Amino acid sequence: MESIILKCKQCNWQGSPEEVDWEVVETCTGNDKVEVCPSCGSMEVYPLK
C-alpha cells in the first residue's frame, strides 16, 4: 500500500497526514474538522496523486 503525501497550495509544503494540523470550523450542518498546513496555516492542503 502506498503512503499518502499531502501538499499545500500556498507554500508547497509536503508531508504525511500525521503531520498536518486540524482546525474545527462551523458549517451550516454543524462543526467540521479541516486539515491545516503546519507550515503556513493554509486550509488548501490536498493529496498528491
N, C-alpha and C. Protein backbone atom coordinates (compact mmCIF):
# COMPACT_ATOMS: atom_id res chain seq x y z
N MET A 1 0.83 -1.18 0.00
CA MET A 1 0.00 0.00 0.00
C MET A 1 0.88 1.25 0.00
N GLU A 2 0.53 2.22 -0.87
CA GLU A 2 1.30 3.45 -0.94
C GLU A 2 0.90 4.39 0.18
N SER A 3 1.88 5.12 0.69
CA SER A 3 1.55 6.10 1.72
C SER A 3 1.07 7.39 1.05
N ILE A 4 0.16 8.07 1.71
CA ILE A 4 -0.41 9.30 1.17
C ILE A 4 0.52 10.46 1.49
N ILE A 5 0.78 11.29 0.49
CA ILE A 5 1.56 12.50 0.68
C ILE A 5 0.63 13.68 0.42
N LEU A 6 0.62 14.63 1.34
CA LEU A 6 -0.20 15.83 1.20
C LEU A 6 0.68 17.00 0.79
N LYS A 7 0.07 17.96 0.07
CA LYS A 7 0.80 19.15 -0.37
C LYS A 7 -0.05 20.38 -0.13
N CYS A 8 0.58 21.48 0.24
CA CYS A 8 -0.09 22.76 0.45
C CYS A 8 0.01 23.60 -0.82
N LYS A 9 -1.12 24.16 -1.27
CA LYS A 9 -1.12 25.00 -2.46
C LYS A 9 -0.43 26.34 -2.22
N GLN A 10 -0.44 26.82 -0.98
CA GLN A 10 0.11 28.14 -0.67
C GLN A 10 1.63 28.16 -0.58
N CYS A 11 2.21 27.22 0.19
CA CYS A 11 3.66 27.28 0.44
C CYS A 11 4.42 26.06 -0.10
N ASN A 12 3.71 25.13 -0.75
CA ASN A 12 4.31 23.92 -1.34
C ASN A 12 4.88 22.96 -0.31
N TRP A 13 4.45 23.08 0.95
CA TRP A 13 4.84 22.11 1.98
C TRP A 13 4.34 20.73 1.55
N GLN A 14 5.11 19.68 1.82
CA GLN A 14 4.69 18.31 1.57
C GLN A 14 4.97 17.47 2.81
N GLY A 15 4.05 16.55 3.11
CA GLY A 15 4.24 15.70 4.26
C GLY A 15 3.14 14.68 4.38
N SER A 16 3.18 13.91 5.45
CA SER A 16 2.20 12.85 5.67
C SER A 16 0.98 13.41 6.40
N PRO A 17 -0.15 12.70 6.34
CA PRO A 17 -1.36 13.15 7.04
C PRO A 17 -1.16 13.29 8.55
N GLU A 18 -0.21 12.57 9.13
CA GLU A 18 0.05 12.68 10.56
C GLU A 18 0.67 14.02 10.94
N GLU A 19 1.26 14.71 9.97
CA GLU A 19 1.95 15.97 10.24
C GLU A 19 1.04 17.19 10.19
N VAL A 20 -0.13 17.09 9.55
CA VAL A 20 -1.00 18.26 9.41
C VAL A 20 -1.66 18.63 10.72
N ASP A 21 -2.01 19.90 10.84
CA ASP A 21 -2.78 20.37 11.97
C ASP A 21 -4.26 20.29 11.59
N TRP A 22 -5.13 20.31 12.58
CA TRP A 22 -6.57 20.25 12.34
C TRP A 22 -7.22 21.46 12.97
N GLU A 23 -8.22 21.99 12.29
CA GLU A 23 -8.98 23.12 12.82
C GLU A 23 -10.46 22.79 12.71
N VAL A 24 -11.20 23.13 13.76
CA VAL A 24 -12.64 22.91 13.76
C VAL A 24 -13.31 24.17 13.21
N VAL A 25 -14.13 24.00 12.17
CA VAL A 25 -14.86 25.12 11.58
C VAL A 25 -16.35 24.87 11.69
N GLU A 26 -17.10 25.94 11.86
CA GLU A 26 -18.55 25.82 11.94
C GLU A 26 -19.14 25.86 10.54
N THR A 27 -20.04 24.91 10.24
CA THR A 27 -20.74 24.90 8.97
C THR A 27 -22.23 24.91 9.25
N CYS A 28 -23.04 25.01 8.21
CA CYS A 28 -24.49 25.04 8.41
C CYS A 28 -25.03 23.71 8.92
N THR A 29 -24.25 22.64 8.79
CA THR A 29 -24.68 21.33 9.27
C THR A 29 -23.97 20.92 10.56
N GLY A 30 -23.24 21.86 11.18
CA GLY A 30 -22.53 21.55 12.42
C GLY A 30 -21.04 21.79 12.26
N ASN A 31 -20.27 21.35 13.24
CA ASN A 31 -18.82 21.52 13.20
C ASN A 31 -18.16 20.50 12.28
N ASP A 32 -17.07 20.91 11.64
CA ASP A 32 -16.33 20.04 10.74
C ASP A 32 -14.85 20.26 11.00
N LYS A 33 -14.04 19.20 10.89
CA LYS A 33 -12.59 19.31 11.04
C LYS A 33 -11.95 19.40 9.66
N VAL A 34 -11.06 20.37 9.47
CA VAL A 34 -10.36 20.51 8.20
C VAL A 34 -8.86 20.44 8.44
N GLU A 35 -8.15 19.95 7.44
CA GLU A 35 -6.70 19.86 7.51
C GLU A 35 -6.09 21.24 7.29
N VAL A 36 -5.07 21.55 8.08
CA VAL A 36 -4.41 22.84 8.01
C VAL A 36 -2.90 22.60 7.86
N CYS A 37 -2.28 23.31 6.95
CA CYS A 37 -0.83 23.19 6.73
C CYS A 37 -0.07 23.57 8.00
N PRO A 38 0.85 22.71 8.46
CA PRO A 38 1.61 23.03 9.67
C PRO A 38 2.66 24.13 9.44
N SER A 39 2.96 24.42 8.19
CA SER A 39 3.97 25.42 7.87
C SER A 39 3.40 26.84 7.78
N CYS A 40 2.29 27.00 7.02
CA CYS A 40 1.77 28.36 6.81
C CYS A 40 0.36 28.56 7.34
N GLY A 41 -0.34 27.49 7.75
CA GLY A 41 -1.68 27.62 8.30
C GLY A 41 -2.79 27.64 7.26
N SER A 42 -2.47 27.39 6.00
CA SER A 42 -3.47 27.39 4.94
C SER A 42 -4.35 26.15 5.02
N MET A 43 -5.61 26.28 4.63
CA MET A 43 -6.52 25.14 4.57
C MET A 43 -6.50 24.48 3.19
N GLU A 44 -5.65 24.97 2.28
CA GLU A 44 -5.58 24.42 0.93
C GLU A 44 -4.56 23.28 0.86
N VAL A 45 -4.85 22.21 1.57
CA VAL A 45 -4.00 21.02 1.61
C VAL A 45 -4.71 19.92 0.83
N TYR A 46 -3.98 19.28 -0.08
CA TYR A 46 -4.59 18.24 -0.90
C TYR A 46 -3.61 17.07 -1.10
N PRO A 47 -4.16 15.87 -1.38
CA PRO A 47 -3.28 14.71 -1.60
C PRO A 47 -2.64 14.75 -2.98
N LEU A 48 -1.38 14.37 -3.07
CA LEU A 48 -0.71 14.21 -4.35
C LEU A 48 -1.10 12.88 -4.95
N LYS A 49 -1.20 12.82 -6.26
CA LYS A 49 -1.59 11.57 -6.92
C LYS A 49 -0.38 10.78 -7.31
